[in-house]
Amino acid sequence: MIEKLDDSARAVALNALPEWSAVAEPDGIARTFSFANFIDAFGFMSRVALLAEKADHHPEWSNVYNRVHITLTTHDAGGLSQRDIDLAGQIDALLTA
């Protein structure tokens, strides 16, 4: 079973993901990405969707024109888990690929 991160593990994980912020509801992490235009934002969402499907871990997200807001939480764990941290790192890596 996937376990929710304790406070110590959460602090270490967030330190490694400086662009992500802790959110209380749902208990997880979030980040807003900005792109030059809608096409770039939608392309990014498509790449994230492929990562999420491969990991069988899907974000809560929204898109408004050139912005994509992503929240990651693990419902089965009742909050932030290592799966969220791993997916956040993979999402961040898309920006440098």
N, C-alpha and C. Protein backbone atom coordinates (compact mmCIF):
# COMPACT_ATOMS: atom_id res chain seq x y z
N MET A 1 0.83 -1.19 0.00
CA MET A 1 0.00 0.00 0.00
C MET A 1 0.88 1.26 0.00
N ILE A 2 0.42 2.25 -0.68
CA ILE A 2 1.14 3.52 -0.76
C ILE A 2 0.89 4.31 0.52
N GLU A 3 1.96 4.85 1.10
CA GLU A 3 1.82 5.58 2.35
C GLU A 3 2.02 7.07 2.15
N LYS A 4 1.30 7.83 2.93
CA LYS A 4 1.43 9.28 2.97
C LYS A 4 2.79 9.62 3.57
N LEU A 5 3.46 10.62 3.01
CA LEU A 5 4.76 11.04 3.52
C LEU A 5 4.61 11.69 4.89
N ASP A 6 5.56 11.39 5.79
CA ASP A 6 5.55 12.07 7.08
C ASP A 6 6.16 13.46 6.91
N ASP A 7 6.10 14.26 7.96
CA ASP A 7 6.55 15.66 7.87
C ASP A 7 8.01 15.78 7.45
N SER A 8 8.86 14.90 7.95
CA SER A 8 10.28 14.96 7.61
C SER A 8 10.51 14.64 6.13
N ALA A 9 9.91 13.57 5.66
CA ALA A 9 10.06 13.18 4.24
C ALA A 9 9.46 14.24 3.33
N ARG A 10 8.35 14.83 3.75
CA ARG A 10 7.70 15.89 2.98
C ARG A 10 8.64 17.09 2.83
N ALA A 11 9.30 17.49 3.91
CA ALA A 11 10.20 18.64 3.87
C ALA A 11 11.37 18.38 2.93
N VAL A 12 11.95 17.20 2.99
CA VAL A 12 13.06 16.84 2.11
C VAL A 12 12.60 16.86 0.66
N ALA A 13 11.44 16.27 0.40
CA ALA A 13 10.92 16.19 -0.97
C ALA A 13 10.64 17.58 -1.54
N LEU A 14 10.01 18.44 -0.75
CA LEU A 14 9.69 19.78 -1.24
C LEU A 14 10.95 20.61 -1.45
N ASN A 15 11.97 20.37 -0.67
CA ASN A 15 13.24 21.07 -0.85
C ASN A 15 13.85 20.73 -2.20
N ALA A 16 13.62 19.50 -2.66
CA ALA A 16 14.16 19.06 -3.95
C ALA A 16 13.30 19.52 -5.13
N LEU A 17 12.11 20.06 -4.83
CA LEU A 17 11.19 20.54 -5.87
C LEU A 17 10.81 21.99 -5.57
N PRO A 18 11.76 22.91 -5.71
CA PRO A 18 11.53 24.29 -5.25
C PRO A 18 10.41 25.04 -5.97
N GLU A 19 10.03 24.62 -7.16
CA GLU A 19 8.97 25.30 -7.90
C GLU A 19 7.58 24.83 -7.47
N TRP A 20 7.50 23.76 -6.71
CA TRP A 20 6.23 23.20 -6.25
C TRP A 20 5.94 23.72 -4.85
N SER A 21 4.66 23.91 -4.56
CA SER A 21 4.23 24.39 -3.25
C SER A 21 3.31 23.38 -2.59
N ALA A 22 3.41 23.29 -1.28
CA ALA A 22 2.50 22.43 -0.53
C ALA A 22 1.11 23.06 -0.55
N VAL A 23 0.11 22.22 -0.69
CA VAL A 23 -1.29 22.68 -0.61
C VAL A 23 -2.00 21.82 0.43
N ALA A 24 -2.95 22.43 1.12
CA ALA A 24 -3.66 21.74 2.20
C ALA A 24 -4.85 20.93 1.71
N GLU A 25 -5.51 21.44 0.70
CA GLU A 25 -6.74 20.77 0.23
C GLU A 25 -6.75 20.67 -1.28
N PRO A 26 -6.52 19.52 -1.87
CA PRO A 26 -6.19 18.28 -1.16
C PRO A 26 -4.75 18.31 -0.67
N ASP A 27 -4.44 17.49 0.29
CA ASP A 27 -3.08 17.42 0.84
C ASP A 27 -2.14 16.94 -0.26
N GLY A 28 -1.37 17.87 -0.81
CA GLY A 28 -0.49 17.51 -1.91
C GLY A 28 0.45 18.65 -2.25
N ILE A 29 0.84 18.71 -3.51
CA ILE A 29 1.70 19.77 -4.01
C ILE A 29 1.11 20.32 -5.30
N ALA A 30 1.45 21.57 -5.60
CA ALA A 30 0.90 22.21 -6.80
C ALA A 30 1.94 23.12 -7.44
N ARG A 31 1.75 23.31 -8.72
CA ARG A 31 2.61 24.22 -9.49
C ARG A 31 1.83 24.74 -10.69
N THR A 32 2.06 25.99 -11.03
CA THR A 32 1.49 26.58 -12.23
C THR A 32 2.61 26.80 -13.24
N PHE A 33 2.37 26.34 -14.45
CA PHE A 33 3.32 26.46 -15.55
C PHE A 33 2.79 27.47 -16.55
N SER A 34 3.65 28.32 -17.07
CA SER A 34 3.26 29.31 -18.08
C SER A 34 4.05 29.06 -19.36
N PHE A 35 3.36 29.19 -20.48
CA PHE A 35 3.95 28.94 -21.79
C PHE A 35 3.69 30.13 -22.70
N ALA A 36 4.29 30.12 -23.86
CA ALA A 36 4.16 31.23 -24.81
C ALA A 36 2.74 31.35 -25.35
N ASN A 37 2.05 30.21 -25.47
CA ASN A 37 0.71 30.23 -26.07
C ASN A 37 -0.04 28.95 -25.71
N PHE A 38 -1.27 28.86 -26.19
CA PHE A 38 -2.12 27.71 -25.89
C PHE A 38 -1.55 26.41 -26.46
N ILE A 39 -1.03 26.46 -27.67
CA ILE A 39 -0.49 25.25 -28.30
C ILE A 39 0.65 24.66 -27.46
N ASP A 40 1.54 25.51 -26.97
CA ASP A 40 2.63 25.01 -26.13
C ASP A 40 2.10 24.43 -24.82
N ALA A 41 1.11 25.09 -24.23
CA ALA A 41 0.52 24.59 -22.99
C ALA A 41 -0.15 23.24 -23.22
N PHE A 42 -0.89 23.12 -24.31
CA PHE A 42 -1.58 21.87 -24.61
C PHE A 42 -0.59 20.75 -24.93
N GLY A 43 0.48 21.08 -25.63
CA GLY A 43 1.52 20.09 -25.90
C GLY A 43 2.14 19.57 -24.61
N PHE A 44 2.39 20.47 -23.68
CA PHE A 44 2.92 20.09 -22.37
C PHE A 44 1.94 19.15 -21.66
N MET A 45 0.67 19.49 -21.69
CA MET A 45 -0.34 18.64 -21.05
C MET A 45 -0.36 17.25 -21.68
N SER A 46 -0.18 17.18 -22.97
CA SER A 46 -0.15 15.88 -23.64
C SER A 46 1.03 15.04 -23.17
N ARG A 47 2.18 15.68 -23.02
CA ARG A 47 3.37 14.95 -22.54
C ARG A 47 3.19 14.51 -21.09
N VAL A 48 2.59 15.38 -20.27
CA VAL A 48 2.31 15.00 -18.87
C VAL A 48 1.33 13.84 -18.83
N ALA A 49 0.32 13.87 -19.70
CA ALA A 49 -0.67 12.79 -19.73
C ALA A 49 -0.01 11.45 -20.00
N LEU A 50 0.96 11.42 -20.89
CA LEU A 50 1.66 10.17 -21.19
C LEU A 50 2.46 9.68 -19.98
N LEU A 51 3.12 10.60 -19.28
CA LEU A 51 3.85 10.23 -18.06
C LEU A 51 2.89 9.69 -17.01
N ALA A 52 1.79 10.40 -16.83
CA ALA A 52 0.81 10.01 -15.80
C ALA A 52 0.21 8.65 -16.10
N GLU A 53 -0.09 8.41 -17.34
CA GLU A 53 -0.68 7.12 -17.72
C GLU A 53 0.32 5.99 -17.48
N LYS A 54 1.57 6.22 -17.83
CA LYS A 54 2.61 5.20 -17.62
C LYS A 54 2.78 4.91 -16.12
N ALA A 55 2.69 5.95 -15.29
CA ALA A 55 2.84 5.79 -13.85
C ALA A 55 1.55 5.34 -13.17
N ASP A 56 0.45 5.34 -13.92
CA ASP A 56 -0.88 5.06 -13.37
C ASP A 56 -1.15 5.97 -12.17
N HIS A 57 -0.79 7.24 -12.36
CA HIS A 57 -0.97 8.25 -11.31
C HIS A 57 -1.32 9.56 -12.00
N HIS A 58 -2.52 10.03 -11.81
CA HIS A 58 -3.05 11.11 -12.63
C HIS A 58 -3.23 12.41 -11.85
N PRO A 59 -2.82 13.52 -12.44
CA PRO A 59 -2.91 14.81 -11.75
C PRO A 59 -4.32 15.38 -11.77
N GLU A 60 -4.55 16.30 -10.86
CA GLU A 60 -5.70 17.19 -10.95
C GLU A 60 -5.13 18.43 -11.63
N TRP A 61 -5.77 18.87 -12.71
CA TRP A 61 -5.18 20.00 -13.42
C TRP A 61 -6.22 20.83 -14.13
N SER A 62 -5.78 22.03 -14.49
CA SER A 62 -6.63 22.92 -15.28
C SER A 62 -5.74 23.69 -16.25
N ASN A 63 -6.36 24.17 -17.30
CA ASN A 63 -5.65 24.92 -18.33
C ASN A 63 -6.47 26.15 -18.69
N VAL A 64 -5.84 27.30 -18.64
CA VAL A 64 -6.43 28.54 -19.13
C VAL A 64 -5.41 29.17 -20.07
N TYR A 65 -5.73 29.15 -21.34
CA TYR A 65 -4.89 29.66 -22.42
C TYR A 65 -3.46 29.14 -22.32
N ASN A 66 -2.53 29.96 -21.82
CA ASN A 66 -1.12 29.55 -21.82
C ASN A 66 -0.64 29.05 -20.45
N ARG A 67 -1.57 28.86 -19.53
CA ARG A 67 -1.20 28.41 -18.18
C ARG A 67 -1.79 27.03 -17.89
N VAL A 68 -0.99 26.22 -17.22
CA VAL A 68 -1.43 24.89 -16.77
C VAL A 68 -1.16 24.81 -15.27
N HIS A 69 -2.20 24.54 -14.51
CA HIS A 69 -2.06 24.38 -13.06
C HIS A 69 -2.22 22.90 -12.74
N ILE A 70 -1.23 22.34 -12.03
CA ILE A 70 -1.24 20.92 -11.68
C ILE A 70 -1.19 20.77 -10.16
N THR A 71 -2.06 19.92 -9.65
CA THR A 71 -2.02 19.50 -8.25
C THR A 71 -1.82 18.00 -8.23
N LEU A 72 -0.88 17.56 -7.40
CA LEU A 72 -0.61 16.14 -7.24
C LEU A 72 -0.92 15.72 -5.81
N THR A 73 -1.68 14.67 -5.67
CA THR A 73 -2.00 14.06 -4.38
C THR A 73 -2.28 12.59 -4.63
N THR A 74 -2.16 11.78 -3.60
CA THR A 74 -2.44 10.36 -3.73
C THR A 74 -3.66 10.04 -2.89
N HIS A 75 -4.78 9.86 -3.55
CA HIS A 75 -6.03 9.63 -2.84
C HIS A 75 -5.97 8.37 -1.99
N ASP A 76 -5.34 7.31 -2.51
CA ASP A 76 -5.25 6.04 -1.75
C ASP A 76 -4.46 6.20 -0.46
N ALA A 77 -3.53 7.15 -0.43
CA ALA A 77 -2.72 7.38 0.76
C ALA A 77 -3.32 8.46 1.66
N GLY A 78 -4.30 9.17 1.16
CA GLY A 78 -4.89 10.25 1.94
C GLY A 78 -4.06 11.51 1.95
N GLY A 79 -3.18 11.67 0.96
CA GLY A 79 -2.36 12.87 0.89
C GLY A 79 -1.12 12.66 0.05
N LEU A 80 -0.13 13.49 0.31
CA LEU A 80 1.12 13.49 -0.46
C LEU A 80 1.90 12.19 -0.25
N SER A 81 2.29 11.57 -1.35
CA SER A 81 3.08 10.33 -1.27
C SER A 81 4.29 10.44 -2.19
N GLN A 82 5.13 9.44 -2.14
CA GLN A 82 6.31 9.40 -3.00
C GLN A 82 5.92 9.39 -4.47
N ARG A 83 4.77 8.83 -4.79
CA ARG A 83 4.30 8.81 -6.18
C ARG A 83 4.14 10.24 -6.71
N ASP A 84 3.65 11.14 -5.86
CA ASP A 84 3.48 12.54 -6.26
C ASP A 84 4.84 13.20 -6.50
N ILE A 85 5.75 12.94 -5.60
CA ILE A 85 7.10 13.51 -5.71
C ILE A 85 7.77 13.02 -6.99
N ASP A 86 7.66 11.73 -7.25
CA ASP A 86 8.27 11.16 -8.45
C ASP A 86 7.67 11.76 -9.72
N LEU A 87 6.34 11.87 -9.76
CA LEU A 87 5.70 12.43 -10.95
C LEU A 87 6.05 13.91 -11.11
N ALA A 88 6.12 14.65 -10.02
CA ALA A 88 6.51 16.07 -10.10
C ALA A 88 7.91 16.20 -10.70
N GLY A 89 8.82 15.35 -10.29
CA GLY A 89 10.17 15.38 -10.85
C GLY A 89 10.19 15.06 -12.33
N GLN A 90 9.37 14.11 -12.75
CA GLN A 90 9.28 13.76 -14.17
C GLN A 90 8.66 14.91 -14.96
N ILE A 91 7.67 15.56 -14.38
CA ILE A 91 7.04 16.70 -15.05
C ILE A 91 8.06 17.83 -15.21
N ASP A 92 8.79 18.13 -14.15
CA ASP A 92 9.81 19.17 -14.23
C ASP A 92 10.85 18.85 -15.31
N ALA A 93 11.21 17.58 -15.43
CA ALA A 93 12.21 17.17 -16.42
C ALA A 93 11.73 17.43 -17.85
N LEU A 94 10.43 17.45 -18.07
CA LEU A 94 9.91 17.74 -19.41
C LEU A 94 10.31 19.14 -19.87
N LEU A 95 10.48 20.04 -18.93
CA LEU A 95 10.80 21.43 -19.28
C LEU A 95 12.25 21.60 -19.71
N THR A 96 13.09 20.63 -19.39
CA THR A 96 14.50 20.72 -19.76
C THR A 96 14.86 19.74 -20.87
N ALA A 97 13.87 18.94 -21.30
CA ALA A 97 14.13 17.93 -22.34
C ALA A 97 14.10 18.55 -23.72
